[in-house]
Amino acid sequence: MANECLDEFNERSSITVTCTFADEDAMPVTPDAATYRIDDEASKTNILPATAISPLSTSVDLEITDEQNAIIKSRKDFEIRTVTVEFDYGADKHGTAEYKYKLKNLYGVVDVPSASVSPSASASPSA
């Protein structure tokens, strides 16, 4: 898979990844248990350890936070993140899936707890 074909998001942006569960015949299935994890591909850094998905359905939305989408290596133009899903269904059945996306490193985006972009400076000096 070429990196140019990946969905691209800006760093520190929250995103939603929709996960659809299917059996070996590509039929929708509601798993008995499921987890997901997030890793940075190049550095092999685990961003989010295996985390239970709840509630379960044939399709769920996974919320990837802005903090989970922070750039690790500030000198790189982009980073590739991998979301790996594992699920159990039926009698002793197991499924896996993977979704990769590209995070664009934006010049000037920094780790600021609370940033305000509204103008607050006065044009005239105050005494």
N, C-alpha and C. Protein backbone atom coordinates (compact mmCIF):
# COMPACT_ATOMS: atom_id res chain seq x y z
N MET A 1 0.85 -1.18 0.00
CA MET A 1 0.00 0.00 0.00
C MET A 1 0.89 1.24 0.00
N ALA A 2 0.78 2.06 -0.98
CA ALA A 2 1.57 3.29 -1.07
C ALA A 2 1.03 4.34 -0.11
N ASN A 3 1.93 5.09 0.53
CA ASN A 3 1.51 6.11 1.49
C ASN A 3 0.64 7.18 0.83
N GLU A 4 0.78 7.38 -0.47
CA GLU A 4 0.01 8.40 -1.16
C GLU A 4 -1.48 8.06 -1.22
N CYS A 5 -1.82 6.78 -1.04
CA CYS A 5 -3.22 6.35 -1.14
C CYS A 5 -3.94 6.36 0.20
N LEU A 6 -3.24 6.67 1.27
CA LEU A 6 -3.85 6.66 2.59
C LEU A 6 -4.70 7.90 2.81
N ASP A 7 -5.75 7.75 3.63
CA ASP A 7 -6.49 8.94 4.07
C ASP A 7 -5.52 9.81 4.85
N GLU A 8 -5.62 11.12 4.69
CA GLU A 8 -4.69 12.04 5.34
C GLU A 8 -5.45 12.99 6.25
N PHE A 9 -4.91 13.17 7.45
CA PHE A 9 -5.50 14.09 8.43
C PHE A 9 -4.40 14.98 8.98
N ASN A 10 -4.77 16.14 9.46
CA ASN A 10 -3.81 17.04 10.08
C ASN A 10 -3.48 16.55 11.48
N GLU A 11 -2.23 16.75 11.87
CA GLU A 11 -1.83 16.37 13.23
C GLU A 11 -2.72 17.06 14.26
N ARG A 12 -2.86 16.43 15.42
CA ARG A 12 -3.65 16.94 16.55
C ARG A 12 -5.12 17.15 16.19
N SER A 13 -5.62 16.43 15.18
CA SER A 13 -7.04 16.48 14.83
C SER A 13 -7.72 15.22 15.34
N SER A 14 -8.91 15.39 15.90
CA SER A 14 -9.72 14.24 16.30
C SER A 14 -10.34 13.64 15.05
N ILE A 15 -10.40 12.31 14.99
CA ILE A 15 -11.04 11.65 13.85
C ILE A 15 -11.89 10.49 14.35
N THR A 16 -12.80 10.04 13.51
CA THR A 16 -13.63 8.89 13.80
C THR A 16 -13.36 7.82 12.75
N VAL A 17 -13.08 6.62 13.21
CA VAL A 17 -12.85 5.48 12.33
C VAL A 17 -14.01 4.52 12.53
N THR A 18 -14.73 4.22 11.45
CA THR A 18 -15.85 3.29 11.54
C THR A 18 -15.33 1.87 11.29
N CYS A 19 -15.64 1.00 12.23
CA CYS A 19 -15.20 -0.39 12.16
C CYS A 19 -16.43 -1.27 11.93
N THR A 20 -16.43 -2.03 10.86
CA THR A 20 -17.53 -2.94 10.54
C THR A 20 -17.04 -4.36 10.68
N PHE A 21 -17.73 -5.16 11.46
CA PHE A 21 -17.33 -6.54 11.72
C PHE A 21 -18.03 -7.48 10.74
N ALA A 22 -17.27 -8.45 10.22
CA ALA A 22 -17.83 -9.41 9.28
C ALA A 22 -17.20 -10.78 9.53
N ASP A 23 -17.96 -11.82 9.17
CA ASP A 23 -17.45 -13.18 9.32
C ASP A 23 -16.67 -13.59 8.07
N GLU A 24 -16.29 -14.85 7.99
CA GLU A 24 -15.48 -15.33 6.87
C GLU A 24 -16.20 -15.30 5.54
N ASP A 25 -17.54 -15.16 5.57
CA ASP A 25 -18.33 -15.04 4.34
C ASP A 25 -18.70 -13.59 4.03
N ALA A 26 -18.06 -12.66 4.73
CA ALA A 26 -18.30 -11.22 4.59
C ALA A 26 -19.71 -10.81 5.02
N MET A 27 -20.31 -11.60 5.89
CA MET A 27 -21.63 -11.27 6.43
C MET A 27 -21.44 -10.50 7.75
N PRO A 28 -22.27 -9.48 7.99
CA PRO A 28 -22.13 -8.72 9.23
C PRO A 28 -22.30 -9.61 10.46
N VAL A 29 -21.51 -9.34 11.47
CA VAL A 29 -21.56 -10.11 12.71
C VAL A 29 -21.35 -9.16 13.88
N THR A 30 -22.05 -9.42 14.98
CA THR A 30 -21.81 -8.69 16.22
C THR A 30 -20.85 -9.52 17.06
N PRO A 31 -19.68 -9.01 17.32
CA PRO A 31 -18.70 -9.81 18.07
C PRO A 31 -19.09 -9.99 19.53
N ASP A 32 -18.54 -11.05 20.13
CA ASP A 32 -18.71 -11.29 21.57
C ASP A 32 -17.74 -10.41 22.35
N ALA A 33 -16.59 -10.12 21.76
CA ALA A 33 -15.57 -9.27 22.36
C ALA A 33 -14.73 -8.67 21.24
N ALA A 34 -14.23 -7.45 21.47
CA ALA A 34 -13.40 -6.80 20.46
C ALA A 34 -12.47 -5.78 21.14
N THR A 35 -11.28 -5.62 20.55
CA THR A 35 -10.33 -4.62 21.03
C THR A 35 -9.74 -3.87 19.85
N TYR A 36 -9.19 -2.69 20.11
CA TYR A 36 -8.42 -1.96 19.10
C TYR A 36 -7.21 -1.34 19.77
N ARG A 37 -6.18 -1.12 18.96
CA ARG A 37 -4.97 -0.47 19.42
C ARG A 37 -4.50 0.49 18.34
N ILE A 38 -3.67 1.46 18.73
CA ILE A 38 -3.13 2.43 17.78
C ILE A 38 -1.61 2.43 17.93
N ASP A 39 -0.91 2.33 16.78
CA ASP A 39 0.55 2.34 16.79
C ASP A 39 1.07 3.30 15.72
N ASP A 40 2.24 3.88 15.99
CA ASP A 40 2.95 4.65 14.97
C ASP A 40 3.80 3.67 14.19
N GLU A 41 3.66 3.66 12.88
CA GLU A 41 4.31 2.65 12.05
C GLU A 41 5.84 2.75 12.04
N ALA A 42 6.39 3.92 11.82
CA ALA A 42 7.84 4.06 11.66
C ALA A 42 8.60 3.82 12.96
N SER A 43 8.14 4.41 14.04
CA SER A 43 8.86 4.29 15.31
C SER A 43 8.45 3.07 16.12
N LYS A 44 7.41 2.38 15.67
CA LYS A 44 6.87 1.22 16.40
C LYS A 44 6.41 1.61 17.81
N THR A 45 6.03 2.88 17.98
CA THR A 45 5.54 3.37 19.26
C THR A 45 4.07 3.01 19.41
N ASN A 46 3.73 2.43 20.56
CA ASN A 46 2.34 2.14 20.86
C ASN A 46 1.69 3.42 21.38
N ILE A 47 0.69 3.91 20.68
CA ILE A 47 -0.02 5.12 21.06
C ILE A 47 -1.14 4.79 22.05
N LEU A 48 -1.88 3.72 21.77
CA LEU A 48 -2.97 3.26 22.63
C LEU A 48 -2.88 1.74 22.72
N PRO A 49 -2.71 1.19 23.94
CA PRO A 49 -2.65 -0.26 24.06
C PRO A 49 -4.02 -0.87 23.74
N ALA A 50 -4.05 -2.19 23.57
CA ALA A 50 -5.31 -2.88 23.26
C ALA A 50 -6.39 -2.44 24.25
N THR A 51 -7.48 -1.91 23.69
CA THR A 51 -8.57 -1.33 24.47
C THR A 51 -9.87 -1.97 24.05
N ALA A 52 -10.68 -2.37 25.02
CA ALA A 52 -11.96 -3.01 24.73
C ALA A 52 -12.89 -2.05 24.00
N ILE A 53 -13.61 -2.57 23.03
CA ILE A 53 -14.63 -1.80 22.31
C ILE A 53 -15.97 -2.10 22.95
N SER A 54 -16.67 -1.06 23.34
CA SER A 54 -17.97 -1.24 23.97
C SER A 54 -18.80 0.02 23.76
N PRO A 55 -20.08 -0.12 23.46
CA PRO A 55 -20.84 -1.34 23.24
C PRO A 55 -20.53 -1.91 21.85
N LEU A 56 -20.83 -3.20 21.69
CA LEU A 56 -20.56 -3.89 20.44
C LEU A 56 -21.80 -3.97 19.56
N SER A 57 -21.56 -3.89 18.27
CA SER A 57 -22.60 -3.97 17.25
C SER A 57 -21.92 -4.45 15.97
N THR A 58 -22.65 -4.55 14.89
CA THR A 58 -22.03 -4.94 13.62
C THR A 58 -21.12 -3.84 13.09
N SER A 59 -21.34 -2.62 13.55
CA SER A 59 -20.52 -1.48 13.15
C SER A 59 -20.39 -0.53 14.34
N VAL A 60 -19.17 -0.10 14.62
CA VAL A 60 -18.93 0.83 15.72
C VAL A 60 -18.01 1.95 15.25
N ASP A 61 -18.14 3.10 15.88
CA ASP A 61 -17.26 4.24 15.60
C ASP A 61 -16.19 4.31 16.68
N LEU A 62 -14.95 4.31 16.26
CA LEU A 62 -13.83 4.46 17.17
C LEU A 62 -13.36 5.91 17.13
N GLU A 63 -13.33 6.54 18.27
CA GLU A 63 -12.92 7.94 18.37
C GLU A 63 -11.42 8.00 18.63
N ILE A 64 -10.67 8.59 17.70
CA ILE A 64 -9.24 8.79 17.85
C ILE A 64 -9.06 10.25 18.28
N THR A 65 -8.47 10.46 19.45
CA THR A 65 -8.40 11.82 20.01
C THR A 65 -7.28 12.64 19.38
N ASP A 66 -7.33 13.94 19.61
CA ASP A 66 -6.28 14.84 19.13
C ASP A 66 -4.94 14.49 19.78
N GLU A 67 -4.94 14.08 21.03
CA GLU A 67 -3.70 13.70 21.70
C GLU A 67 -3.10 12.44 21.09
N GLN A 68 -3.97 11.49 20.71
CA GLN A 68 -3.48 10.27 20.08
C GLN A 68 -2.92 10.56 18.68
N ASN A 69 -3.32 11.68 18.10
CA ASN A 69 -2.83 12.08 16.78
C ASN A 69 -1.75 13.16 16.84
N ALA A 70 -1.07 13.24 17.97
CA ALA A 70 0.06 14.16 18.09
C ALA A 70 1.26 13.55 17.35
N ILE A 71 2.02 14.40 16.68
CA ILE A 71 3.22 13.96 15.97
C ILE A 71 4.30 13.57 16.98
N ILE A 72 4.95 12.44 16.73
CA ILE A 72 6.00 11.94 17.62
C ILE A 72 7.35 12.53 17.23
N LYS A 73 7.68 12.50 15.95
CA LYS A 73 8.97 13.00 15.44
C LYS A 73 8.73 14.32 14.71
N SER A 74 9.01 15.43 15.36
CA SER A 74 8.67 16.75 14.83
C SER A 74 9.38 17.11 13.54
N ARG A 75 10.45 16.44 13.17
CA ARG A 75 11.18 16.76 11.94
C ARG A 75 10.66 16.01 10.72
N LYS A 76 9.70 15.12 10.91
CA LYS A 76 9.14 14.36 9.79
C LYS A 76 7.96 15.12 9.19
N ASP A 77 7.78 14.99 7.88
CA ASP A 77 6.67 15.65 7.20
C ASP A 77 5.33 15.01 7.53
N PHE A 78 5.36 13.70 7.80
CA PHE A 78 4.14 12.97 8.12
C PHE A 78 4.47 11.71 8.91
N GLU A 79 3.47 11.14 9.54
CA GLU A 79 3.60 9.87 10.22
C GLU A 79 2.43 8.98 9.81
N ILE A 80 2.65 7.68 9.80
CA ILE A 80 1.60 6.72 9.48
C ILE A 80 1.16 6.05 10.77
N ARG A 81 -0.13 6.09 11.04
CA ARG A 81 -0.70 5.42 12.20
C ARG A 81 -1.47 4.20 11.75
N THR A 82 -1.43 3.15 12.57
CA THR A 82 -2.13 1.91 12.29
C THR A 82 -3.11 1.63 13.42
N VAL A 83 -4.37 1.42 13.07
CA VAL A 83 -5.39 1.00 14.02
C VAL A 83 -5.62 -0.50 13.75
N THR A 84 -5.35 -1.33 14.75
CA THR A 84 -5.52 -2.78 14.60
C THR A 84 -6.69 -3.23 15.47
N VAL A 85 -7.60 -3.97 14.85
CA VAL A 85 -8.80 -4.46 15.54
C VAL A 85 -8.75 -5.98 15.57
N GLU A 86 -9.09 -6.54 16.73
CA GLU A 86 -9.25 -7.99 16.87
C GLU A 86 -10.61 -8.25 17.50
N PHE A 87 -11.28 -9.31 17.03
CA PHE A 87 -12.61 -9.61 17.59
C PHE A 87 -12.89 -11.11 17.58
N ASP A 88 -13.71 -11.52 18.55
CA ASP A 88 -14.16 -12.90 18.68
C ASP A 88 -15.65 -12.94 18.41
N TYR A 89 -16.09 -13.99 17.73
CA TYR A 89 -17.51 -14.15 17.43
C TYR A 89 -17.82 -15.63 17.26
N GLY A 90 -19.09 -15.96 17.41
CA GLY A 90 -19.49 -17.36 17.22
C GLY A 90 -18.75 -18.30 18.14
N ALA A 91 -18.71 -19.57 17.75
CA ALA A 91 -18.01 -20.58 18.53
C ALA A 91 -16.56 -20.65 18.08
N ASP A 92 -15.67 -20.06 18.86
CA ASP A 92 -14.23 -20.11 18.59
C ASP A 92 -13.82 -19.49 17.27
N LYS A 93 -14.44 -18.40 16.86
CA LYS A 93 -14.05 -17.68 15.64
C LYS A 93 -13.34 -16.39 16.04
N HIS A 94 -12.34 -16.01 15.25
CA HIS A 94 -11.55 -14.81 15.55
C HIS A 94 -11.32 -14.04 14.25
N GLY A 95 -11.42 -12.73 14.32
CA GLY A 95 -11.17 -11.90 13.15
C GLY A 95 -10.22 -10.76 13.49
N THR A 96 -9.56 -10.24 12.46
CA THR A 96 -8.64 -9.12 12.62
C THR A 96 -8.85 -8.14 11.47
N ALA A 97 -8.48 -6.90 11.71
CA ALA A 97 -8.55 -5.88 10.66
C ALA A 97 -7.52 -4.80 10.98
N GLU A 98 -7.15 -4.06 9.94
CA GLU A 98 -6.16 -3.00 10.10
C GLU A 98 -6.56 -1.81 9.24
N TYR A 99 -6.40 -0.62 9.80
CA TYR A 99 -6.65 0.62 9.06
C TYR A 99 -5.44 1.52 9.27
N LYS A 100 -4.88 2.03 8.18
CA LYS A 100 -3.73 2.93 8.25
C LYS A 100 -4.14 4.30 7.72
N TYR A 101 -3.60 5.32 8.38
CA TYR A 101 -3.85 6.68 7.90
C TYR A 101 -2.59 7.52 8.10
N LYS A 102 -2.53 8.60 7.36
CA LYS A 102 -1.37 9.49 7.32
C LYS A 102 -1.68 10.75 8.13
N LEU A 103 -0.76 11.11 9.03
CA LEU A 103 -0.88 12.35 9.80
C LEU A 103 0.10 13.37 9.23
N LYS A 104 -0.41 14.49 8.79
CA LYS A 104 0.41 15.56 8.23
C LYS A 104 0.95 16.43 9.36
N ASN A 105 2.26 16.62 9.38
CA ASN A 105 2.91 17.47 10.36
C ASN A 105 2.74 18.92 9.91
N LEU A 106 2.08 19.71 10.72
CA LEU A 106 1.83 21.12 10.39
C LEU A 106 2.83 22.01 11.11
N TYR A 107 3.46 22.88 10.36
CA TYR A 107 4.39 23.83 10.95
C TYR A 107 3.64 24.73 11.93
N GLY A 108 4.16 24.84 13.13
CA GLY A 108 3.58 25.77 14.11
C GLY A 108 2.55 25.16 15.04
N VAL A 109 2.13 23.93 14.82
CA VAL A 109 1.21 23.29 15.75
C VAL A 109 2.04 22.77 16.91
N VAL A 110 1.70 23.23 18.11
CA VAL A 110 2.46 22.84 19.30
C VAL A 110 1.51 22.25 20.33
N ASP A 111 2.07 21.62 21.31
CA ASP A 111 1.30 21.02 22.39
C ASP A 111 0.94 22.11 23.40
N VAL A 112 -0.22 22.72 23.22
CA VAL A 112 -0.69 23.78 24.08
C VAL A 112 -1.97 23.29 24.75
N PRO A 113 -2.04 23.31 26.09
CA PRO A 113 -3.23 22.79 26.75
C PRO A 113 -4.52 23.50 26.35
N SER A 114 -4.48 24.81 26.22
CA SER A 114 -5.67 25.55 25.84
C SER A 114 -5.25 26.76 25.02
N ALA A 115 -5.51 26.73 23.74
CA ALA A 115 -5.08 27.82 22.87
C ALA A 115 -6.28 28.67 22.48
N SER A 116 -6.06 29.95 22.39
CA SER A 116 -7.10 30.87 21.95
C SER A 116 -6.61 31.58 20.70
N VAL A 117 -7.45 31.64 19.67
CA VAL A 117 -7.05 32.34 18.46
C VAL A 117 -7.84 33.63 18.28
N SER A 118 -8.62 33.99 19.29
CA SER A 118 -9.36 35.24 19.18
C SER A 118 -8.41 36.39 19.49
N PRO A 119 -8.54 37.50 18.73
CA PRO A 119 -7.64 38.62 18.98
C PRO A 119 -7.93 39.26 20.33
N SER A 120 -6.86 39.49 21.09
CA SER A 120 -7.04 40.11 22.40
C SER A 120 -6.10 41.29 22.60
N ALA A 121 -5.26 41.55 21.65
CA ALA A 121 -4.31 42.65 21.76
C ALA A 121 -4.94 43.94 21.27
N SER A 122 -4.64 45.01 21.94
CA SER A 122 -5.16 46.32 21.56
C SER A 122 -4.14 46.99 20.62
N ALA A 123 -4.64 47.76 19.66
CA ALA A 123 -3.77 48.46 18.73
C ALA A 123 -3.08 49.63 19.41
N SER A 124 -3.66 50.14 20.49
CA SER A 124 -3.06 51.28 21.18
C SER A 124 -2.46 50.81 22.50
N PRO A 125 -1.33 51.40 22.88
CA PRO A 125 -0.70 51.00 24.13
C PRO A 125 -1.56 51.40 25.31
N SER A 126 -1.51 50.57 26.36
CA SER A 126 -2.30 50.90 27.58
C SER A 126 -1.33 51.34 28.66
N ALA A 127 -1.83 52.18 29.54
CA ALA A 127 -0.96 52.71 30.59
C ALA A 127 -1.12 51.95 31.86
